[in-house]
């Protein structure tokens, strides 16, 4: 059973806001049969906490739920626990666009993208598909690069994806994304075909919580500054 199917099984018991004895026994049998490692259990715990937090109406209560999850993770940590997953890719040899599209395709809740330019239709199509299946997609990009031939920024915005532009006289040169609040993509890699096929590029994927939160907070600050016009009518 894959992680997402297992998560769905866990969340299906939350409809009545209680875990009955029979549900507990059934879930225990399912979990015991999976032989989960610590990383998988941490991911499931994070996703369950986030699912509960999104159902809470009062933002203060949602923060408290997330605090609970962070505290439980801290109390569970030991010196022998494996480190969070972090990997690096170097192009054009490594499968870079395949990795990015797979991560976007696996998103369940949110995708926050801060990138200089987007011209690779393979990535844009996955972002649009995620938006259509209910994932909260937000994109920040450079206003000048959005006017380049082949840019997908305005196409995504016209399709309903919240896209905002840095309209300062300086370039918006970020190249990172935060997926579901616990996966970070970051590096030199612009989301273009030339970056995938020709350029010497790099990016990393990290699930290290402190690092991911740092980037998530940075994105939120940028969105608070630039995202007010993200839902304005598109042009071009």
C-alpha atoms as a PDB file:
ATOM      1  CA  UNK A   1       0.000   0.000   0.000  1.00  0.00           C
ATOM      2  CA  UNK A   2       1.504   3.379  -0.991  1.00  0.00           C
ATOM      3  CA  UNK A   3       1.723   6.365   1.356  1.00  0.00           C
ATOM      4  CA  UNK A   4      -1.224   8.270  -0.097  1.00  0.00           C
ATOM      5  CA  UNK A   5      -3.543   5.248   0.084  1.00  0.00           C
ATOM      6  CA  UNK A   6      -2.471   4.641   3.674  1.00  0.00           C
ATOM      7  CA  UNK A   7      -3.071   8.307   4.511  1.00  0.00           C
ATOM      8  CA  UNK A   8      -6.564   8.112   3.018  1.00  0.00           C
ATOM      9  CA  UNK A   9      -7.280   5.099   5.214  1.00  0.00           C
ATOM     10  CA  UNK A  10      -6.189   7.017   8.313  1.00  0.00           C
ATOM     11  CA  UNK A  11      -8.199  10.116   7.445  1.00  0.00           C
ATOM     12  CA  UNK A  12     -11.326   8.113   6.650  1.00  0.00           C
ATOM     13  CA  UNK A  13     -11.745   7.456  10.375  1.00  0.00           C
ATOM     14  CA  UNK A  14     -11.976  11.190  11.172  1.00  0.00           C
ATOM     15  CA  UNK A  15     -15.495  11.781   9.843  1.00  0.00           C
ATOM     16  CA  UNK A  16     -17.087  11.487  13.293  1.00  0.00           C
ATOM     17  CA  UNK A  17     -14.074  13.030  15.096  1.00  0.00           C
ATOM     18  CA  UNK A  18     -13.420   9.886  17.097  1.00  0.00           C
ATOM     19  CA  UNK A  19     -11.360   6.725  16.722  1.00  0.00           C
ATOM     20  CA  UNK A  20     -13.475   3.726  17.712  1.00  0.00           C
ATOM     21  CA  UNK A  21     -12.001   0.495  19.029  1.00  0.00           C
ATOM     22  CA  UNK A  22     -12.780  -1.317  15.809  1.00  0.00           C
ATOM     23  CA  UNK A  23     -11.184   1.449  13.749  1.00  0.00           C
ATOM     24  CA  UNK A  24      -8.140   1.397  15.993  1.00  0.00           C
ATOM     25  CA  UNK A  25      -7.754  -2.380  15.569  1.00  0.00           C
ATOM     26  CA  UNK A  26      -8.177  -2.149  11.806  1.00  0.00           C
ATOM     27  CA  UNK A  27      -5.659   0.658  11.457  1.00  0.00           C
ATOM     28  CA  UNK A  28      -3.180  -1.145  13.687  1.00  0.00           C
ATOM     29  CA  UNK A  29      -3.386  -4.201  11.435  1.00  0.00           C
ATOM     30  CA  UNK A  30      -2.885  -2.065   8.334  1.00  0.00           C
ATOM     31  CA  UNK A  31       0.072  -0.189   9.835  1.00  0.00           C
ATOM     32  CA  UNK A  32       1.732  -3.354  11.128  1.00  0.00           C
ATOM     33  CA  UNK A  33       1.466  -4.903   7.687  1.00  0.00           C
ATOM     34  CA  UNK A  34       3.302  -1.993   6.027  1.00  0.00           C
ATOM     35  CA  UNK A  35       6.634  -2.253   7.884  1.00  0.00           C
ATOM     36  CA  UNK A  36       6.947   1.552   7.833  1.00  0.00           C
ATOM     37  CA  UNK A  37      10.270   3.246   8.509  1.00  0.00           C
ATOM     38  CA  UNK A  38      10.610   6.383  10.639  1.00  0.00           C
ATOM     39  CA  UNK A  39      10.526   8.713   7.623  1.00  0.00           C
ATOM     40  CA  UNK A  40       7.244   7.227   6.406  1.00  0.00           C
ATOM     41  CA  UNK A  41       5.682   7.450   9.871  1.00  0.00           C
ATOM     42  CA  UNK A  42       6.841  11.074  10.212  1.00  0.00           C
ATOM     43  CA  UNK A  43       5.321  11.913   6.833  1.00  0.00           C
ATOM     44  CA  UNK A  44       2.011  10.310   7.778  1.00  0.00           C
ATOM     45  CA  UNK A  45       1.951  12.131  11.109  1.00  0.00           C
ATOM     46  CA  UNK A  46       2.639  15.441   9.362  1.00  0.00           C
ATOM     47  CA  UNK A  47      -0.109  14.885   6.791  1.00  0.00           C
ATOM     48  CA  UNK A  48      -2.671  13.869   9.432  1.00  0.00           C
ATOM     49  CA  UNK A  49      -1.857  16.977  11.482  1.00  0.00           C
ATOM     50  CA  UNK A  50      -2.160  19.185   8.391  1.00  0.00           C
ATOM     51  CA  UNK A  51      -5.479  17.588   7.406  1.00  0.00           C
ATOM     52  CA  UNK A  52      -6.880  18.336  10.874  1.00  0.00           C
ATOM     53  CA  UNK A  53      -5.484  21.873  10.840  1.00  0.00           C
ATOM     54  CA  UNK A  54      -7.166  22.682   7.517  1.00  0.00           C
ATOM     55  CA  UNK A  55     -10.548  21.608   8.904  1.00  0.00           C
ATOM     56  CA  UNK A  56     -10.293  23.949  11.898  1.00  0.00           C
ATOM     57  CA  UNK A  57     -12.118  27.213  11.262  1.00  0.00           C
ATOM     58  CA  UNK A  58     -10.300  29.433  13.765  1.00  0.00           C
ATOM     59  CA  UNK A  59      -6.739  30.166  12.470  1.00  0.00           C
ATOM     60  CA  UNK A  60      -5.499  30.269  16.070  1.00  0.00           C
ATOM     61  CA  UNK A  61      -6.704  26.717  16.619  1.00  0.00           C
ATOM     62  CA  UNK A  62      -5.065  25.638  13.354  1.00  0.00           C
ATOM     63  CA  UNK A  63      -1.751  27.041  14.606  1.00  0.00           C
ATOM     64  CA  UNK A  64      -2.226  25.121  17.854  1.00  0.00           C
ATOM     65  CA  UNK A  65      -2.814  21.876  15.935  1.00  0.00           C
ATOM     66  CA  UNK A  66       0.379  22.427  13.945  1.00  0.00           C
ATOM     67  CA  UNK A  67       2.270  23.236  17.150  1.00  0.00           C
ATOM     68  CA  UNK A  68       1.085  19.912  18.527  1.00  0.00           C
ATOM     69  CA  UNK A  69       2.425  18.110  15.468  1.00  0.00           C
ATOM     70  CA  UNK A  70       5.821  19.845  15.676  1.00  0.00           C
ATOM     71  CA  UNK A  71       6.079  19.114  19.395  1.00  0.00           C
ATOM     72  CA  UNK A  72       5.185  15.439  18.978  1.00  0.00           C
ATOM     73  CA  UNK A  73       7.799  15.157  16.233  1.00  0.00           C
ATOM     74  CA  UNK A  74      10.387  16.712  18.536  1.00  0.00           C
ATOM     75  CA  UNK A  75       9.530  14.339  21.375  1.00  0.00           C
ATOM     76  CA  UNK A  76       9.762  11.342  19.026  1.00  0.00           C
ATOM     77  CA  UNK A  77      13.184  12.307  17.692  1.00  0.00           C
ATOM     78  CA  UNK A  78      16.218  10.293  18.797  1.00  0.00           C
ATOM     79  CA  UNK A  79      19.919  10.352  17.953  1.00  0.00           C
ATOM     80  CA  UNK A  80      19.481   7.100  16.049  1.00  0.00           C
ATOM     81  CA  UNK A  81      16.634   8.344  13.870  1.00  0.00           C
ATOM     82  CA  UNK A  82      17.548   8.601  10.165  1.00  0.00           C
ATOM     83  CA  UNK A  83      18.037  12.141   8.833  1.00  0.00           C
ATOM     84  CA  UNK A  84      15.309  13.715   6.697  1.00  0.00           C
ATOM     85  CA  UNK A  85      15.625  12.950   3.012  1.00  0.00           C
ATOM     86  CA  UNK A  86      17.792  15.372   1.024  1.00  0.00           C
ATOM     87  CA  UNK A  87      18.938  14.675  -2.543  1.00  0.00           C
ATOM     88  CA  UNK A  88      20.714  16.660  -5.253  1.00  0.00           C
ATOM     89  CA  UNK A  89      20.494  16.595  -9.051  1.00  0.00           C
ATOM     90  CA  UNK A  90      22.967  17.991 -11.594  1.00  0.00           C
ATOM     91  CA  UNK A  91      22.021  18.617 -15.191  1.00  0.00           C
ATOM     92  CA  UNK A  92      21.774  18.107 -17.964  1.00  0.00           C
ATOM     93  CA  UNK A  93      22.706  14.497 -17.115  1.00  0.00           C
ATOM     94  CA  UNK A  94      20.326  13.858 -14.187  1.00  0.00           C
ATOM     95  CA  UNK A  95      16.533  13.449 -14.638  1.00  0.00           C
ATOM     96  CA  UNK A  96      15.595  16.959 -13.535  1.00  0.00           C
ATOM     97  CA  UNK A  97      12.269  17.762 -15.192  1.00  0.00           C
ATOM     98  CA  UNK A  98      11.095  14.201 -14.517  1.00  0.00           C
ATOM     99  CA  UNK A  99      11.762  14.740 -10.819  1.00  0.00           C
ATOM    100  CA  UNK A 100       9.994  18.106 -10.679  1.00  0.00           C
ATOM    101  CA  UNK A 101       6.911  16.880 -12.544  1.00  0.00           C
ATOM    102  CA  UNK A 102       6.703  13.783 -10.335  1.00  0.00           C
ATOM    103  CA  UNK A 103       6.817  15.899  -7.172  1.00  0.00           C
ATOM    104  CA  UNK A 104       4.173  18.300  -8.515  1.00  0.00           C
ATOM    105  CA  UNK A 105       2.016  15.349  -9.610  1.00  0.00           C
ATOM    106  CA  UNK A 106       2.210  13.913  -6.099  1.00  0.00           C
ATOM    107  CA  UNK A 107       1.110  17.118  -4.359  1.00  0.00           C
ATOM    108  CA  UNK A 108      -2.055  16.744  -2.312  1.00  0.00           C
ATOM    109  CA  UNK A 109      -2.578  20.092  -0.627  1.00  0.00           C
ATOM    110  CA  UNK A 110      -0.402  23.000  -1.759  1.00  0.00           C
ATOM    111  CA  UNK A 111       2.270  24.055  -4.259  1.00  0.00           C
ATOM    112  CA  UNK A 112       4.059  27.376  -3.736  1.00  0.00           C
ATOM    113  CA  UNK A 113       6.399  28.285  -6.606  1.00  0.00           C
ATOM    114  CA  UNK A 114       8.851  31.200  -6.710  1.00  0.00           C
ATOM    115  CA  UNK A 115      10.698  31.043 -10.016  1.00  0.00           C
ATOM    116  CA  UNK A 116      12.355  33.475 -12.415  1.00  0.00           C
ATOM    117  CA  UNK A 117      10.693  32.049 -15.518  1.00  0.00           C
ATOM    118  CA  UNK A 118       8.418  29.156 -16.552  1.00  0.00           C
ATOM    119  CA  UNK A 119       8.510  28.014 -20.176  1.00  0.00           C
ATOM    120  CA  UNK A 120       8.575  24.221 -19.890  1.00  0.00           C
ATOM    121  CA  UNK A 121       5.077  23.069 -20.867  1.00  0.00           C
ATOM    122  CA  UNK A 122       5.605  19.719 -19.151  1.00  0.00           C
ATOM    123  CA  UNK A 123       5.867  21.433 -15.772  1.00  0.00           C
ATOM    124  CA  UNK A 124       3.129  23.952 -16.550  1.00  0.00           C
ATOM    125  CA  UNK A 125       0.711  21.174 -17.471  1.00  0.00           C
ATOM    126  CA  UNK A 126       1.369  19.428 -14.150  1.00  0.00           C
ATOM    127  CA  UNK A 127       0.793  22.705 -12.259  1.00  0.00           C
ATOM    128  CA  UNK A 128      -2.473  23.227 -14.123  1.00  0.00           C
ATOM    129  CA  UNK A 129      -3.547  19.623 -13.459  1.00  0.00           C
ATOM    130  CA  UNK A 130      -2.785  20.071  -9.754  1.00  0.00           C
ATOM    131  CA  UNK A 131      -4.858  23.269  -9.687  1.00  0.00           C
ATOM    132  CA  UNK A 132      -7.783  21.472 -11.363  1.00  0.00           C
ATOM    133  CA  UNK A 133      -7.733  18.627  -8.853  1.00  0.00           C
ATOM    134  CA  UNK A 134      -8.015  21.077  -5.964  1.00  0.00           C
ATOM    135  CA  UNK A 135      -4.401  21.633  -4.916  1.00  0.00           C
ATOM    136  CA  UNK A 136      -3.786  25.233  -3.801  1.00  0.00           C
ATOM    137  CA  UNK A 137      -1.209  26.444  -6.339  1.00  0.00           C
ATOM    138  CA  UNK A 138       0.460  29.851  -5.972  1.00  0.00           C
ATOM    139  CA  UNK A 139       3.120  31.150  -8.357  1.00  0.00           C
ATOM    140  CA  UNK A 140       5.421  34.159  -8.029  1.00  0.00           C
ATOM    141  CA  UNK A 141       7.558  35.096 -11.028  1.00  0.00           C
ATOM    142  CA  UNK A 142       9.404  37.917 -12.755  1.00  0.00           C
ATOM    143  CA  UNK A 143       7.255  40.381 -14.700  1.00  0.00           C
ATOM    144  CA  UNK A 144       9.793  40.895 -17.478  1.00  0.00           C
ATOM    145  CA  UNK A 145      10.326  37.170 -18.070  1.00  0.00           C
ATOM    146  CA  UNK A 146       6.549  36.651 -18.137  1.00  0.00           C
ATOM    147  CA  UNK A 147       6.501  38.641 -21.387  1.00  0.00           C
ATOM    148  CA  UNK A 148       9.076  36.388 -23.103  1.00  0.00           C
ATOM    149  CA  UNK A 149       7.967  34.256 -26.019  1.00  0.00           C
ATOM    150  CA  UNK A 150       7.045  30.835 -24.699  1.00  0.00           C
ATOM    151  CA  UNK A 151       6.394  31.952 -21.126  1.00  0.00           C
ATOM    152  CA  UNK A 152       3.563  30.014 -19.505  1.00  0.00           C
ATOM    153  CA  UNK A 153       2.912  32.514 -16.689  1.00  0.00           C
ATOM    154  CA  UNK A 154      -0.020  34.318 -18.290  1.00  0.00           C
ATOM    155  CA  UNK A 155      -1.479  31.089 -19.687  1.00  0.00           C
ATOM    156  CA  UNK A 156      -1.563  29.615 -16.188  1.00  0.00           C
ATOM    157  CA  UNK A 157      -3.108  32.775 -14.781  1.00  0.00           C
ATOM    158  CA  UNK A 158      -5.821  32.874 -17.449  1.00  0.00           C
ATOM    159  CA  UNK A 159      -6.609  29.247 -16.496  1.00  0.00           C
ATOM    160  CA  UNK A 160      -7.326  30.363 -12.934  1.00  0.00           C
ATOM    161  CA  UNK A 161      -4.008  29.611 -11.244  1.00  0.00           C
ATOM    162  CA  UNK A 162      -3.039  32.442  -8.854  1.00  0.00           C
ATOM    163  CA  UNK A 163       0.051  33.984 -10.464  1.00  0.00           C
ATOM    164  CA  UNK A 164       1.645  37.222  -9.248  1.00  0.00           C
ATOM    165  CA  UNK A 165       4.501  39.229 -10.699  1.00  0.00           C
ATOM    166  CA  UNK A 166       7.353  41.161  -9.138  1.00  0.00           C
ATOM    167  CA  UNK A 167       6.990  44.493 -10.906  1.00  0.00           C
ATOM    168  CA  UNK A 168      10.032  46.157  -9.373  1.00  0.00           C
ATOM    169  CA  UNK A 169      12.934  47.365 -11.545  1.00  0.00           C
ATOM    170  CA  UNK A 170      14.961  44.416 -10.261  1.00  0.00           C
ATOM    171  CA  UNK A 171      14.688  40.789 -11.355  1.00  0.00           C
ATOM    172  CA  UNK A 172      12.790  38.214  -9.283  1.00  0.00           C
ATOM    173  CA  UNK A 173      15.561  35.631  -9.425  1.00  0.00           C
ATOM    174  CA  UNK A 174      14.275  33.001  -6.978  1.00  0.00           C
ATOM    175  CA  UNK A 175      14.050  29.371  -8.073  1.00  0.00           C
ATOM    176  CA  UNK A 176      12.363  27.368  -5.335  1.00  0.00           C
ATOM    177  CA  UNK A 177       9.107  25.592  -4.566  1.00  0.00           C
ATOM    178  CA  UNK A 178       7.496  24.261  -1.386  1.00  0.00           C
ATOM    179  CA  UNK A 179       5.191  21.276  -1.850  1.00  0.00           C
ATOM    180  CA  UNK A 180       2.568  20.326   0.755  1.00  0.00           C
ATOM    181  CA  UNK A 181       4.510  22.233   3.405  1.00  0.00           C
ATOM    182  CA  UNK A 182       7.175  19.552   3.779  1.00  0.00           C
ATOM    183  CA  UNK A 183       9.098  19.221   0.489  1.00  0.00           C
ATOM    184  CA  UNK A 184      11.523  21.867  -0.784  1.00  0.00           C
ATOM    185  CA  UNK A 185      12.884  22.150  -4.326  1.00  0.00           C
ATOM    186  CA  UNK A 186      15.665  24.712  -4.661  1.00  0.00           C
ATOM    187  CA  UNK A 187      18.675  25.415  -6.879  1.00  0.00           C
ATOM    188  CA  UNK A 188      19.869  27.182 -10.018  1.00  0.00           C
ATOM    189  CA  UNK A 189      17.287  25.416 -12.177  1.00  0.00           C
ATOM    190  CA  UNK A 190      14.789  27.636 -14.020  1.00  0.00           C
ATOM    191  CA  UNK A 191      11.662  25.819 -15.148  1.00  0.00           C
ATOM    192  CA  UNK A 192      12.609  25.856 -18.831  1.00  0.00           C
ATOM    193  CA  UNK A 193      13.428  23.270 -21.492  1.00  0.00           C
ATOM    194  CA  UNK A 194      16.928  24.662 -21.944  1.00  0.00           C
ATOM    195  CA  UNK A 195      17.571  24.186 -18.223  1.00  0.00           C
ATOM    196  CA  UNK A 196      16.544  20.553 -18.570  1.00  0.00           C
ATOM    197  CA  UNK A 197      18.206  19.698 -21.861  1.00  0.00           C
ATOM    198  CA  UNK A 198      21.243  21.939 -22.256  1.00  0.00           C
ATOM    199  CA  UNK A 199      22.342  24.012 -19.284  1.00  0.00           C
ATOM    200  CA  UNK A 200      24.646  23.018 -16.459  1.00  0.00           C
ATOM    201  CA  UNK A 201      22.137  23.271 -13.622  1.00  0.00           C
ATOM    202  CA  UNK A 202      21.450  21.937 -10.156  1.00  0.00           C
ATOM    203  CA  UNK A 203      18.636  21.608  -7.697  1.00  0.00           C
ATOM    204  CA  UNK A 204      17.987  19.748  -4.491  1.00  0.00           C
ATOM    205  CA  UNK A 205      14.983  18.187  -2.848  1.00  0.00           C
ATOM    206  CA  UNK A 206      14.871  18.370   0.939  1.00  0.00           C
ATOM    207  CA  UNK A 207      12.406  17.291   3.617  1.00  0.00           C
ATOM    208  CA  UNK A 208      14.445  18.791   6.480  1.00  0.00           C
ATOM    209  CA  UNK A 209      11.691  20.512   8.511  1.00  0.00           C
ATOM    210  CA  UNK A 210      13.605  23.606   9.646  1.00  0.00           C
ATOM    211  CA  UNK A 211      14.848  24.332   6.136  1.00  0.00           C
ATOM    212  CA  UNK A 212      11.442  23.750   4.533  1.00  0.00           C
ATOM    213  CA  UNK A 213       9.743  26.042   7.062  1.00  0.00           C
ATOM    214  CA  UNK A 214      12.312  28.781   6.361  1.00  0.00           C
ATOM    215  CA  UNK A 215      11.467  28.734   2.664  1.00  0.00           C
ATOM    216  CA  UNK A 216       7.723  28.443   3.327  1.00  0.00           C
ATOM    217  CA  UNK A 217       7.829  31.520   5.548  1.00  0.00           C
ATOM    218  CA  UNK A 218       9.877  33.382   2.920  1.00  0.00           C
ATOM    219  CA  UNK A 219       7.290  32.536   0.260  1.00  0.00           C
ATOM    220  CA  UNK A 220       4.426  33.665   2.492  1.00  0.00           C
ATOM    221  CA  UNK A 221       6.188  37.000   3.075  1.00  0.00           C
ATOM    222  CA  UNK A 222       6.719  37.471  -0.664  1.00  0.00           C
ATOM    223  CA  UNK A 223       3.107  36.544  -1.392  1.00  0.00           C
ATOM    224  CA  UNK A 224       1.869  39.030   1.208  1.00  0.00           C
ATOM    225  CA  UNK A 225       3.851  41.702  -0.627  1.00  0.00           C
ATOM    226  CA  UNK A 226       3.220  40.725  -4.256  1.00  0.00           C
ATOM    227  CA  UNK A 227       0.201  38.447  -4.356  1.00  0.00           C
ATOM    228  CA  UNK A 228      -2.595  41.022  -3.991  1.00  0.00           C
ATOM    229  CA  UNK A 229      -3.125  41.174  -7.760  1.00  0.00           C
ATOM    230  CA  UNK A 230      -2.798  37.445  -8.374  1.00  0.00           C
ATOM    231  CA  UNK A 231      -6.509  37.023  -9.143  1.00  0.00           C
ATOM    232  CA  UNK A 232      -6.790  40.122 -11.366  1.00  0.00           C
ATOM    233  CA  UNK A 233      -7.924  39.508 -14.960  1.00  0.00           C
ATOM    234  CA  UNK A 234      -5.176  38.147 -17.164  1.00  0.00           C
ATOM    235  CA  UNK A 235      -3.882  39.771 -20.345  1.00  0.00           C
ATOM    236  CA  UNK A 236      -1.789  38.763 -23.359  1.00  0.00           C
END
